[in-house]
Amino acid sequence: MTRMTVDDVYQHIHGVCFKTGPPGTVGAETEWLVVDPADPGAHVPGDRVRALVAGAGPPSGGSRVTYEPGGQVELSSAPFGKLAELHTALDADIAHVRDALAPDGLVLAGHGVDPVRRPVFQADHPRYACMRDYFHSGGFTDAGMTMMCSTASVQVNLDIGADDPDASRRWRLVHALGPVLVAAFANSPLRAGRRTGMRSSRQGIWTELDPCRTLPVLRDGEDGDPAEAWTRYALDARVMLLHTAEDEWITNPGMSFLEWLAMGEPGEEDLTYHLSTLFPPVRPRGWLELRMIDALPPPYWPVPVAVATALLDDPAASRAAEAAAEPVADRWAEAARCGLSHAALAAAARACFAAALDALPRLGASGLVPLVEEYARRYVERGRTPADDPPSVPPPSPSPSFRKEDPAWLR
């Protein structure tokens, strides 16, 4: 295996993570908590969910079904050339999974953070065990376990850009829009049955985590080459885990990637794996992965996908979004805490929704306009988010409580 230099890292990131081409492709990933309405405080065994979903066969729309460490279900769509096609396919695939769970009395719930249940680790892959141990060793045990086992999001995947200047523009725009999207779709005011004081507790949890791998890449009005910024970020981040040629998994070897590079050991596969352990709110992977949006209650998951796509891919909407988002580009903390009760974020969100609604017909997505309008009327125009709705879950029973029949892994 060829050993890498710093220049090799930059060349890989420029050529792979920031691979340019004509924009227009869109994908989405929706994460869902699985709940038994008859006992909302009980953890649903992951094996039970996997068996039900596997028994229903693969979704017809091409989505990949995977599972997060706490048993959350994730549907990752195929890439589509049109927003309307994505919506049709992913909506059908979500319904496929929902229907697979229904006969067993289980439902998919859209919350940014599990509002009632405390995190329970259900993963069996060594990667997730290493990740859990890494956060524990760094003093992030509570935030790490909650992030892994109790959070869910809507992720939007959009093209890098037509060429390097366009990629730089879209990179700056999506970072500026980040706080607006956090605020407009905040949906996690509860954690373990109690109000946290934040509209998006999920974003707050990410902020509590290891800053070298969860803070935004672009901060404080920085500009310049996006590939260079992501290279610096990756080099400075601590190595979370090593997967050796002998199939051993080593947690937290105690060095940054730059320090590991100086030892002359890592190769391109090691870099690829390292990049997969970095979790900023915008992550470049050959596309822009928007990771800052809370999971939403049905039927609203398509709204952030439609809004983000319109604001990046439609030229007129992009110009409006740049002007609207610039004054609040660094308001990540206020977005998580206040949602749209923050006046400047509310004004930016109203302008962005108006621009997106104007653009959706031009993108061939007129069918999504009524749903986006409904969300705007119910929340954005009133300075509210789903986090401001009355809680729809009962208070937790005394914690921790386990029934005699609960399997050992739940105790």
Protein backbone atom coordinates (compact mmCIF):
# COMPACT_ATOMS: atom_id res chain seq x y z
CA MET A 1 0.00 0.00 0.00
CA THR A 2 1.40 3.39 -1.05
CA ARG A 3 2.00 5.73 1.88
CA MET A 4 0.56 9.23 1.60
CA THR A 5 1.94 12.74 1.95
CA VAL A 6 0.07 15.90 2.87
CA ASP A 7 -0.08 16.79 -0.82
CA ASP A 8 -1.55 13.36 -1.55
CA VAL A 9 -4.30 14.05 0.99
CA TYR A 10 -5.12 17.35 -0.69
CA GLN A 11 -5.15 15.77 -4.16
CA HIS A 12 -7.46 12.99 -2.96
CA ILE A 13 -9.84 15.46 -1.33
CA HIS A 14 -9.82 17.80 -4.34
CA GLY A 15 -10.39 14.98 -6.83
CA VAL A 16 -12.78 12.79 -4.85
CA CYS A 17 -14.54 14.82 -2.16
CA PHE A 18 -14.88 17.89 -4.41
CA LYS A 19 -15.40 16.19 -7.75
CA THR A 20 -17.23 18.71 -9.91
CA GLY A 21 -19.80 18.30 -12.66
CA PRO A 22 -23.11 19.78 -13.82
CA PRO A 23 -25.43 20.09 -10.77
CA GLY A 24 -28.89 18.56 -10.76
CA THR A 25 -28.59 15.25 -8.92
CA VAL A 26 -30.31 14.98 -5.53
CA GLY A 27 -30.46 12.31 -2.87
CA ALA A 28 -31.77 12.11 0.68
CA GLU A 29 -31.40 10.02 3.80
CA THR A 30 -34.18 9.80 6.35
CA GLU A 31 -33.61 8.40 9.83
CA TRP A 32 -36.48 7.23 12.02
CA LEU A 33 -36.95 6.15 15.61
CA VAL A 34 -38.94 2.93 15.96
CA VAL A 35 -41.62 3.07 18.66
CA ASP A 36 -44.27 0.78 20.07
CA PRO A 37 -47.25 3.11 20.70
CA ALA A 38 -48.60 0.67 23.28
CA ASP A 39 -45.46 1.25 25.36
CA PRO A 40 -43.63 4.37 24.11
CA GLY A 41 -41.04 4.21 26.88
CA ALA A 42 -39.90 0.70 25.95
CA HIS A 43 -36.92 0.09 23.69
CA VAL A 44 -37.80 -1.95 20.61
CA PRO A 45 -35.23 -4.74 20.05
CA GLY A 46 -33.26 -4.10 16.88
CA ASP A 47 -33.37 -7.75 15.85
CA ARG A 48 -37.16 -7.60 15.84
CA VAL A 49 -37.14 -4.57 13.54
CA ARG A 50 -34.54 -6.08 11.20
CA ALA A 51 -36.52 -9.30 10.87
CA LEU A 52 -39.75 -7.48 10.01
CA VAL A 53 -38.10 -5.23 7.42
CA ALA A 54 -36.11 -8.07 5.86
CA GLY A 55 -39.27 -10.15 5.62
CA ALA A 56 -40.93 -7.48 3.50
CA GLY A 57 -38.18 -7.60 0.86
CA PRO A 58 -36.23 -4.68 -0.63
CA PRO A 59 -37.97 -1.34 -1.20
CA SER A 60 -39.07 -0.83 -4.79
CA GLY A 61 -37.66 2.69 -5.07
CA GLY A 62 -34.05 1.59 -4.64
CA SER A 63 -33.43 2.97 -1.14
CA ARG A 64 -30.85 1.23 1.03
CA VAL A 65 -32.08 0.32 4.51
CA THR A 66 -29.53 0.39 7.33
CA TYR A 67 -29.62 0.70 11.11
CA GLU A 68 -28.02 3.15 13.51
CA PRO A 69 -26.45 1.96 16.80
CA GLY A 70 -29.60 2.57 18.83
CA GLY A 71 -31.86 0.76 16.38
CA GLN A 72 -32.91 3.80 14.34
CA VAL A 73 -33.90 2.90 10.78
CA GLU A 74 -32.20 4.81 7.98
CA LEU A 75 -33.39 4.87 4.37
CA SER A 76 -30.80 6.21 1.93
CA SER A 77 -32.27 7.00 -1.45
CA ALA A 78 -30.70 6.35 -4.79
CA PRO A 79 -29.48 9.53 -6.55
CA PHE A 80 -32.09 11.08 -8.84
CA GLY A 81 -31.89 13.65 -11.60
CA LYS A 82 -35.16 15.27 -10.56
CA LEU A 83 -36.47 16.27 -7.15
CA ALA A 84 -39.96 15.00 -7.95
CA GLU A 85 -38.59 11.55 -8.80
CA LEU A 86 -36.70 11.40 -5.53
CA HIS A 87 -39.82 12.32 -3.57
CA THR A 88 -41.93 9.65 -5.27
CA ALA A 89 -39.38 6.88 -4.80
CA LEU A 90 -38.30 7.65 -1.23
CA ASP A 91 -41.86 8.27 -0.05
CA ALA A 92 -42.84 4.84 -1.37
CA ASP A 93 -39.83 3.22 0.30
CA ILE A 94 -40.65 4.83 3.66
CA ALA A 95 -44.22 3.52 3.29
CA HIS A 96 -42.78 0.07 2.51
CA VAL A 97 -40.86 0.00 5.79
CA ARG A 98 -43.76 1.51 7.71
CA ASP A 99 -46.09 -1.17 6.36
CA ALA A 100 -43.59 -3.89 7.28
CA LEU A 101 -43.60 -2.75 10.90
CA ALA A 102 -47.33 -2.08 11.25
CA PRO A 103 -48.56 -5.68 11.71
CA ASP A 104 -46.29 -5.93 14.76
CA GLY A 105 -47.70 -2.71 16.20
CA LEU A 106 -44.58 -0.63 15.54
CA VAL A 107 -44.38 2.83 13.98
CA LEU A 108 -41.74 5.16 12.54
CA ALA A 109 -41.44 8.33 14.60
CA GLY A 110 -39.83 11.55 13.38
CA HIS A 111 -37.94 13.32 16.18
CA GLY A 112 -34.45 14.83 16.13
CA VAL A 113 -33.82 13.22 19.53
CA ASP A 114 -35.76 10.41 21.19
CA PRO A 115 -38.05 12.42 23.47
CA VAL A 116 -38.60 9.72 26.09
CA ARG A 117 -36.15 6.82 25.98
CA ARG A 118 -32.59 6.97 27.18
CA PRO A 119 -29.92 5.69 24.77
CA VAL A 120 -29.42 1.94 24.55
CA PHE A 121 -26.57 0.58 22.43
CA GLN A 122 -27.81 -2.17 20.08
CA ALA A 123 -25.07 -2.33 17.42
CA ASP A 124 -22.90 -5.39 16.84
CA HIS A 125 -20.41 -3.99 14.31
CA PRO A 126 -16.91 -3.33 15.74
CA ARG A 127 -16.87 0.15 14.14
CA TYR A 128 -19.72 1.29 16.38
CA ALA A 129 -18.16 -0.24 19.48
CA CYS A 130 -14.93 1.65 18.69
CA MET A 131 -16.89 4.84 18.16
CA ARG A 132 -18.64 4.43 21.52
CA ASP A 133 -15.32 3.76 23.26
CA TYR A 134 -13.68 6.74 21.53
CA PHE A 135 -16.29 9.16 22.81
CA HIS A 136 -16.03 7.62 26.27
CA SER A 137 -12.25 7.98 26.31
CA GLY A 138 -12.54 11.64 25.28
CA GLY A 139 -15.00 12.52 28.03
CA PHE A 140 -18.01 12.66 25.69
CA THR A 141 -19.80 9.56 27.02
CA ASP A 142 -23.29 11.05 27.43
CA ALA A 143 -23.29 13.13 24.25
CA GLY A 144 -21.66 10.31 22.28
CA MET A 145 -24.16 7.67 23.35
CA THR A 146 -27.09 10.01 22.77
CA MET A 147 -25.83 11.01 19.33
CA MET A 148 -25.30 7.40 18.29
CA CYS A 149 -28.39 5.82 19.81
CA SER A 150 -31.07 8.50 20.23
CA THR A 151 -30.84 10.98 17.33
CA ALA A 152 -32.35 11.04 13.86
CA SER A 153 -32.15 13.43 10.94
CA VAL A 154 -33.12 14.25 7.38
CA GLN A 155 -29.94 14.50 5.30
CA VAL A 156 -29.93 16.15 1.89
CA ASN A 157 -27.30 15.25 -0.71
CA LEU A 158 -26.60 17.74 -3.51
CA ASP A 159 -23.92 18.13 -6.16
CA ILE A 160 -20.62 19.88 -5.43
CA GLY A 161 -20.88 22.26 -8.39
CA ALA A 162 -20.22 22.63 -12.09
CA ASP A 163 -16.57 23.69 -11.68
CA ASP A 164 -14.23 24.94 -8.96
CA PRO A 165 -15.67 28.49 -8.74
CA ASP A 166 -19.22 27.10 -8.62
CA ALA A 167 -18.16 24.57 -5.98
CA SER A 168 -16.73 27.40 -3.85
CA ARG A 169 -19.96 29.37 -4.19
CA ARG A 170 -22.16 26.43 -3.26
CA TRP A 171 -19.83 25.52 -0.36
CA ARG A 172 -20.13 29.02 1.10
CA LEU A 173 -23.88 29.13 0.51
CA VAL A 174 -24.67 25.82 2.15
CA HIS A 175 -22.63 26.76 5.23
CA ALA A 176 -24.41 30.11 5.45
CA LEU A 177 -27.76 28.32 5.14
CA GLY A 178 -26.87 25.82 7.87
CA PRO A 179 -28.19 27.86 10.82
CA VAL A 180 -31.35 28.74 8.86
CA LEU A 181 -32.04 25.05 8.21
CA VAL A 182 -31.32 24.13 11.85
CA ALA A 183 -33.74 26.80 13.03
CA ALA A 184 -36.51 26.22 10.48
CA PHE A 185 -36.68 22.47 11.06
CA ALA A 186 -35.85 22.26 14.77
CA ASN A 187 -37.72 19.28 16.21
CA SER A 188 -36.02 18.04 19.36
CA PRO A 189 -36.99 20.05 22.45
CA LEU A 190 -37.21 16.96 24.68
CA ARG A 191 -34.61 14.49 25.82
CA ALA A 192 -35.32 11.63 28.24
CA GLY A 193 -38.76 13.12 28.91
CA ARG A 194 -37.57 16.58 29.89
CA ARG A 195 -37.27 19.89 28.09
CA THR A 196 -33.67 20.80 27.39
CA GLY A 197 -34.17 24.53 26.77
CA MET A 198 -33.27 24.07 23.10
CA ARG A 199 -35.46 23.77 20.02
CA SER A 200 -32.88 21.48 18.40
CA SER A 201 -31.32 19.40 21.15
CA ARG A 202 -29.85 17.26 18.41
CA GLN A 203 -27.74 20.17 17.16
CA GLY A 204 -26.79 20.90 20.76
CA ILE A 205 -25.60 17.33 21.22
CA TRP A 206 -23.42 17.55 18.11
CA THR A 207 -21.96 20.78 19.47
CA GLU A 208 -21.06 19.03 22.75
CA LEU A 209 -19.18 16.31 20.90
CA ASP A 210 -15.52 16.18 19.86
CA PRO A 211 -15.06 19.64 18.24
CA CYS A 212 -12.29 18.48 15.90
CA ARG A 213 -14.81 16.32 14.03
CA THR A 214 -18.24 17.92 14.54
CA LEU A 215 -17.85 21.71 14.22
CA PRO A 216 -18.54 23.35 10.83
CA VAL A 217 -15.61 23.28 8.42
CA LEU A 218 -16.28 26.86 7.30
CA ARG A 219 -16.46 29.27 10.26
CA ASP A 220 -16.21 32.97 11.07
CA GLY A 221 -16.44 34.25 7.50
CA GLU A 222 -13.54 32.15 6.21
CA ASP A 223 -13.11 31.95 2.47
CA GLY A 224 -10.74 30.28 0.06
CA ASP A 225 -10.33 26.84 -1.46
CA PRO A 226 -12.92 24.41 -0.01
CA ALA A 227 -10.65 21.41 -0.64
CA GLU A 228 -7.86 23.08 1.29
CA ALA A 229 -10.23 23.82 4.20
CA TRP A 230 -11.45 20.21 4.30
CA THR A 231 -7.85 18.97 4.07
CA ARG A 232 -6.84 21.05 7.10
CA TYR A 233 -9.89 19.85 9.00
CA ALA A 234 -9.14 16.19 8.22
CA LEU A 235 -5.43 16.48 9.05
CA ASP A 236 -6.10 18.15 12.40
CA ALA A 237 -8.83 15.72 13.49
CA ARG A 238 -7.89 12.92 15.85
CA VAL A 239 -7.95 9.41 14.46
CA MET A 240 -11.01 7.72 15.92
CA LEU A 241 -10.14 4.11 15.15
CA LEU A 242 -7.85 1.85 13.18
CA HIS A 243 -8.91 -1.26 11.29
CA THR A 244 -5.75 -3.27 10.80
CA ALA A 245 -4.83 -5.73 8.06
CA GLU A 246 -5.20 -8.43 10.72
CA ASP A 247 -8.88 -7.40 11.13
CA GLU A 248 -8.23 -5.85 14.52
CA TRP A 249 -10.13 -2.73 15.60
CA ILE A 250 -8.18 -0.22 17.69
CA THR A 251 -9.95 2.67 19.41
CA ASN A 252 -8.40 6.13 19.78
CA PRO A 253 -4.74 5.50 18.93
CA GLY A 254 -3.96 8.95 20.34
CA MET A 255 -2.90 10.99 17.32
CA SER A 256 -4.22 13.31 14.66
CA PHE A 257 -4.21 12.19 11.04
CA LEU A 258 -1.35 14.63 10.39
CA GLU A 259 0.70 13.01 13.16
CA TRP A 260 -0.09 9.57 11.76
CA LEU A 261 0.96 10.83 8.33
CA ALA A 262 4.29 11.98 9.76
CA MET A 263 4.90 8.42 10.91
CA GLY A 264 4.68 7.31 7.26
CA GLU A 265 1.95 4.74 7.86
CA PRO A 266 -1.50 5.64 6.48
CA GLY A 267 -2.54 4.92 2.92
CA GLU A 268 -5.49 6.05 0.81
CA GLU A 269 -7.87 3.50 2.33
CA ASP A 270 -6.98 4.79 5.79
CA LEU A 271 -7.74 8.35 4.68
CA THR A 272 -11.10 7.29 3.23
CA TYR A 273 -12.03 5.60 6.48
CA HIS A 274 -10.85 8.56 8.55
CA LEU A 275 -13.00 10.94 6.50
CA SER A 276 -16.02 8.73 7.22
CA THR A 277 -15.53 9.37 10.96
CA LEU A 278 -15.76 13.16 10.60
CA PHE A 279 -19.23 14.60 11.15
CA PRO A 280 -19.43 18.35 10.41
CA PRO A 281 -22.87 19.74 9.51
CA VAL A 282 -21.76 19.96 5.86
CA ARG A 283 -19.60 17.06 4.73
CA PRO A 284 -18.14 16.82 1.20
CA ARG A 285 -18.18 13.26 -0.17
CA GLY A 286 -18.17 13.86 -3.92
CA TRP A 287 -21.42 15.62 -3.12
CA LEU A 288 -22.51 18.02 -0.36
CA GLU A 289 -24.07 16.12 2.52
CA LEU A 290 -26.27 18.42 4.63
CA ARG A 291 -26.35 16.82 8.08
CA MET A 292 -27.87 19.56 10.27
CA ILE A 293 -31.61 18.94 9.87
CA ASP A 294 -33.68 17.23 12.58
CA ALA A 295 -35.92 14.32 11.64
CA LEU A 296 -39.45 15.60 11.15
CA PRO A 297 -42.94 14.26 11.85
CA PRO A 298 -44.88 12.84 8.93
CA PRO A 299 -45.59 14.12 6.36
CA TYR A 300 -42.91 16.82 6.43
CA TRP A 301 -39.64 15.01 5.64
CA PRO A 302 -39.76 16.16 1.96
CA VAL A 303 -39.87 19.86 2.93
CA PRO A 304 -36.19 20.38 3.87
CA VAL A 305 -35.14 18.31 0.86
CA ALA A 306 -37.22 20.49 -1.46
CA VAL A 307 -36.14 23.78 0.15
CA ALA A 308 -32.41 22.97 0.22
CA THR A 309 -32.46 21.67 -3.37
CA ALA A 310 -34.27 24.75 -4.66
CA LEU A 311 -31.94 27.15 -2.85
CA LEU A 312 -28.80 25.53 -4.21
CA ASP A 313 -29.85 24.43 -7.69
CA ASP A 314 -32.05 27.28 -8.92
CA PRO A 315 -29.97 30.39 -9.81
CA ALA A 316 -32.56 32.98 -8.74
CA ALA A 317 -33.29 31.16 -5.48
CA SER A 318 -29.56 30.87 -4.80
CA ARG A 319 -29.10 34.61 -5.13
CA ALA A 320 -32.00 35.25 -2.76
CA ALA A 321 -30.66 32.68 -0.29
CA GLU A 322 -27.18 34.23 -0.31
CA ALA A 323 -28.61 37.61 0.61
CA ALA A 324 -30.98 36.19 3.24
CA ALA A 325 -28.51 33.87 4.96
CA GLU A 326 -25.42 36.08 5.06
CA PRO A 327 -26.45 38.03 8.22
CA VAL A 328 -27.00 34.80 10.20
CA ALA A 329 -24.24 32.64 8.71
CA ASP A 330 -22.56 31.95 12.07
CA ARG A 331 -25.68 31.73 14.25
CA TRP A 332 -25.46 27.98 14.86
CA ALA A 333 -25.91 28.22 18.64
CA GLU A 334 -28.85 30.62 18.40
CA ALA A 335 -30.49 28.40 15.77
CA ALA A 336 -30.32 25.36 18.05
CA ARG A 337 -31.49 27.22 21.12
CA CYS A 338 -34.11 29.56 19.71
CA GLY A 339 -35.31 28.11 16.43
CA LEU A 340 -37.43 30.69 14.63
CA SER A 341 -38.14 32.68 17.78
CA HIS A 342 -34.85 34.40 16.87
CA ALA A 343 -35.93 37.39 14.77
CA ALA A 344 -33.01 37.42 12.32
CA LEU A 345 -33.20 33.67 11.71
CA ALA A 346 -36.98 33.92 11.24
CA ALA A 347 -36.55 36.66 8.65
CA ALA A 348 -33.93 34.62 6.80
CA ALA A 349 -36.16 31.54 6.86
CA ARG A 350 -39.15 33.45 5.47
CA ALA A 351 -37.04 34.80 2.61
CA CYS A 352 -35.56 31.38 1.85
CA PHE A 353 -38.95 29.64 1.84
CA ALA A 354 -40.37 32.30 -0.48
CA ALA A 355 -37.44 31.83 -2.86
CA ALA A 356 -37.74 28.05 -2.74
CA LEU A 357 -41.48 28.12 -3.41
CA ASP A 358 -40.89 30.36 -6.40
CA ALA A 359 -38.20 28.00 -7.72
CA LEU A 360 -39.83 24.60 -7.26
CA PRO A 361 -41.99 24.79 -10.43
CA ARG A 362 -38.88 25.69 -12.44
CA LEU A 363 -37.25 22.51 -11.08
CA GLY A 364 -40.20 20.40 -12.20
CA ALA A 365 -41.37 19.92 -8.60
CA SER A 366 -44.71 21.75 -8.59
CA GLY A 367 -46.23 18.77 -6.79
CA LEU A 368 -44.20 19.61 -3.69
CA VAL A 369 -45.38 23.23 -3.51
CA PRO A 370 -48.55 22.53 -1.45
CA LEU A 371 -46.62 20.65 1.24
CA VAL A 372 -43.89 23.32 1.46
CA GLU A 373 -46.59 26.03 1.59
CA GLU A 374 -48.37 24.15 4.37
CA TYR A 375 -45.17 23.92 6.40
CA ALA A 376 -44.45 27.61 5.79
CA ARG A 377 -47.93 28.68 6.93
CA ARG A 378 -47.94 26.41 9.97
CA TYR A 379 -44.42 27.21 11.16
CA VAL A 380 -42.17 29.60 9.26
CA GLU A 381 -44.60 32.49 8.79
CA ARG A 382 -45.52 32.26 12.49
CA GLY A 383 -41.93 32.09 13.78
CA ARG A 384 -42.46 28.54 14.99
CA THR A 385 -41.01 25.07 14.35
CA PRO A 386 -42.23 21.55 15.20
CA ALA A 387 -40.30 21.93 18.48
CA ASP A 388 -42.95 24.47 19.54
CA ASP A 389 -45.83 22.01 19.12
CA PRO A 390 -47.32 20.45 22.28
CA PRO A 391 -45.51 17.21 23.20
CA SER A 392 -47.11 14.16 21.61
CA VAL A 393 -45.43 11.64 23.92
CA PRO A 394 -46.20 10.71 27.53
CA PRO A 395 -43.77 11.50 30.35
CA PRO A 396 -41.22 8.74 31.07
CA SER A 397 -41.71 6.20 33.83
CA PRO A 398 -39.22 6.35 36.73
CA SER A 399 -35.76 5.85 35.25
CA PRO A 400 -34.33 3.36 34.66
CA SER A 401 -37.12 0.80 34.57
CA PHE A 402 -36.97 -2.63 32.97
CA ARG A 403 -39.48 -5.40 32.96
CA LYS A 404 -38.57 -8.92 33.95
CA GLU A 405 -39.15 -10.12 30.42
CA ASP A 406 -36.80 -7.60 28.84
CA PRO A 407 -33.85 -9.29 27.15
CA ALA A 408 -30.48 -8.96 28.86
CA TRP A 409 -29.10 -6.47 26.33
CA LEU A 410 -31.78 -3.96 27.42
CA ARG A 411 -30.75 -4.10 31.09
